[in-house]
C-alpha atoms as a PDB file:
ATOM      1  CA  MET A   1      38.080  16.750 -18.984  1.00  0.00           C
ATOM      2  CA  PRO A   2      39.796  13.339 -19.119  1.00  0.00           C
ATOM      3  CA  GLN A   3      37.811  10.618 -20.854  1.00  0.00           C
ATOM      4  CA  ALA A   4      37.615   8.475 -17.697  1.00  0.00           C
ATOM      5  CA  LEU A   5      35.933  11.318 -15.800  1.00  0.00           C
ATOM      6  CA  GLU A   6      33.517  11.847 -18.655  1.00  0.00           C
ATOM      7  CA  GLU A   7      32.513   8.177 -18.435  1.00  0.00           C
ATOM      8  CA  ILE A   8      32.000   8.429 -14.666  1.00  0.00           C
ATOM      9  CA  GLU A   9      29.879  11.538 -15.154  1.00  0.00           C
ATOM     10  CA  LYS A  10      27.698   9.723 -17.712  1.00  0.00           C
ATOM     11  CA  GLN A  11      27.227   6.803 -15.296  1.00  0.00           C
ATOM     12  CA  PHE A  12      26.140   9.119 -12.490  1.00  0.00           C
ATOM     13  CA  GLN A  13      23.689  10.899 -14.755  1.00  0.00           C
ATOM     14  CA  THR A  14      22.050   7.685 -15.880  1.00  0.00           C
ATOM     15  CA  GLU A  15      22.152   5.737 -12.607  1.00  0.00           C
ATOM     16  CA  PHE A  16      21.579   8.293  -9.863  1.00  0.00           C
ATOM     17  CA  ASP A  17      17.940   8.704  -8.931  1.00  0.00           C
ATOM     18  CA  TYR A  18      17.229  10.380  -5.592  1.00  0.00           C
ATOM     19  CA  VAL A  19      13.610   9.245  -5.584  1.00  0.00           C
ATOM     20  CA  HIS A  20      14.962   5.689  -5.503  1.00  0.00           C
ATOM     21  CA  GLU A  21      17.458   6.663  -2.791  1.00  0.00           C
ATOM     22  CA  ALA A  22      14.643   8.216  -0.726  1.00  0.00           C
ATOM     23  CA  GLY A  23      12.773   4.913  -0.930  1.00  0.00           C
ATOM     24  CA  ASN A  24      15.882   3.077   0.286  1.00  0.00           C
ATOM     25  CA  LEU A  25      16.227   5.573   3.138  1.00  0.00           C
ATOM     26  CA  SER A  26      12.604   4.954   4.161  1.00  0.00           C
ATOM     27  CA  THR A  27      13.238   1.208   4.201  1.00  0.00           C
ATOM     28  CA  VAL A  28      16.377   1.530   6.331  1.00  0.00           C
ATOM     29  CA  ARG A  29      14.555   3.883   8.693  1.00  0.00           C
ATOM     30  CA  ALA A  30      11.671   1.446   9.130  1.00  0.00           C
ATOM     31  CA  ASN A  31      13.984  -1.553   9.595  1.00  0.00           C
ATOM     32  CA  LEU A  32      16.055   0.157  12.306  1.00  0.00           C
ATOM     33  CA  ARG A  33      13.209   1.764  14.256  1.00  0.00           C
ATOM     34  CA  GLU A  34      12.244  -1.243  16.406  1.00  0.00           C
ATOM     35  CA  PRO A  35      15.581  -2.938  17.132  1.00  0.00           C
ATOM     36  CA  PHE A  36      17.471   0.354  17.612  1.00  0.00           C
ATOM     37  CA  PRO A  37      15.036   3.006  18.885  1.00  0.00           C
ATOM     38  CA  LEU A  38      17.836   5.416  19.838  1.00  0.00           C
ATOM     39  CA  VAL A  39      19.302   5.464  16.305  1.00  0.00           C
ATOM     40  CA  LEU A  40      17.820   8.306  14.305  1.00  0.00           C
ATOM     41  CA  VAL A  41      17.554   7.952  10.534  1.00  0.00           C
ATOM     42  CA  PRO A  42      16.295  11.025   8.697  1.00  0.00           C
ATOM     43  CA  GLU A  43      12.849  10.816   7.177  1.00  0.00           C
ATOM     44  CA  PRO A  44      12.782  11.616   3.460  1.00  0.00           C
ATOM     45  CA  PHE A  45      10.030  13.966   2.314  1.00  0.00           C
ATOM     46  CA  MET A  46       8.887  11.935  -0.675  1.00  0.00           C
ATOM     47  CA  GLU A  47       6.538  14.610  -1.991  1.00  0.00           C
ATOM     48  CA  LEU A  48       9.536  16.948  -2.423  1.00  0.00           C
ATOM     49  CA  CYS A  49      12.051  14.433  -3.790  1.00  0.00           C
ATOM     50  CA  ARG A  50      12.868  14.374  -7.473  1.00  0.00           C
ATOM     51  CA  LYS A  51      15.361  12.456  -9.589  1.00  0.00           C
ATOM     52  CA  LYS A  52      18.053  15.053  -8.823  1.00  0.00           C
ATOM     53  CA  VAL A  53      16.801  16.319  -5.442  1.00  0.00           C
ATOM     54  CA  LEU A  54      16.691  14.491  -2.105  1.00  0.00           C
ATOM     55  CA  VAL A  55      14.900  16.314   0.724  1.00  0.00           C
ATOM     56  CA  MET A  56      15.046  14.786   4.186  1.00  0.00           C
ATOM     57  CA  GLN A  57      14.651  15.612   7.845  1.00  0.00           C
ATOM     58  CA  ASP A  58      17.409  17.664   9.461  1.00  0.00           C
ATOM     59  CA  LEU A  59      18.791  15.840  12.494  1.00  0.00           C
ATOM     60  CA  THR A  60      21.107  18.561  13.781  1.00  0.00           C
ATOM     61  CA  PRO A  61      22.293  18.818  16.421  1.00  0.00           C
ATOM     62  CA  SER A  62      22.998  15.130  16.844  1.00  0.00           C
ATOM     63  CA  THR A  63      25.868  12.670  17.246  1.00  0.00           C
ATOM     64  CA  LYS A  64      27.069  10.699  14.245  1.00  0.00           C
ATOM     65  CA  LEU A  65      26.724   6.934  14.715  1.00  0.00           C
ATOM     66  CA  ALA A  66      30.458   6.360  14.186  1.00  0.00           C
ATOM     67  CA  ASP A  67      31.270   8.922  16.894  1.00  0.00           C
ATOM     68  CA  ALA A  68      28.760   7.383  19.309  1.00  0.00           C
ATOM     69  CA  LEU A  69      30.244   3.915  18.788  1.00  0.00           C
ATOM     70  CA  ARG A  70      33.748   5.120  19.689  1.00  0.00           C
END
């Protein structure tokens, strides 16, 4: 593996934390709920999230925001 890819892999391993990402998702969800009630943001299941696992609500079938805006 090229050295640059090894460095990127190390960065991901040290910086990626899905528990933190789940918290960010909860914040975004809460902030969008009132001003945009028709926009669905998946709810993370915090009790199931781990550093390397993010578990969230399945929103299928649904329309992606970018598609809806077109």
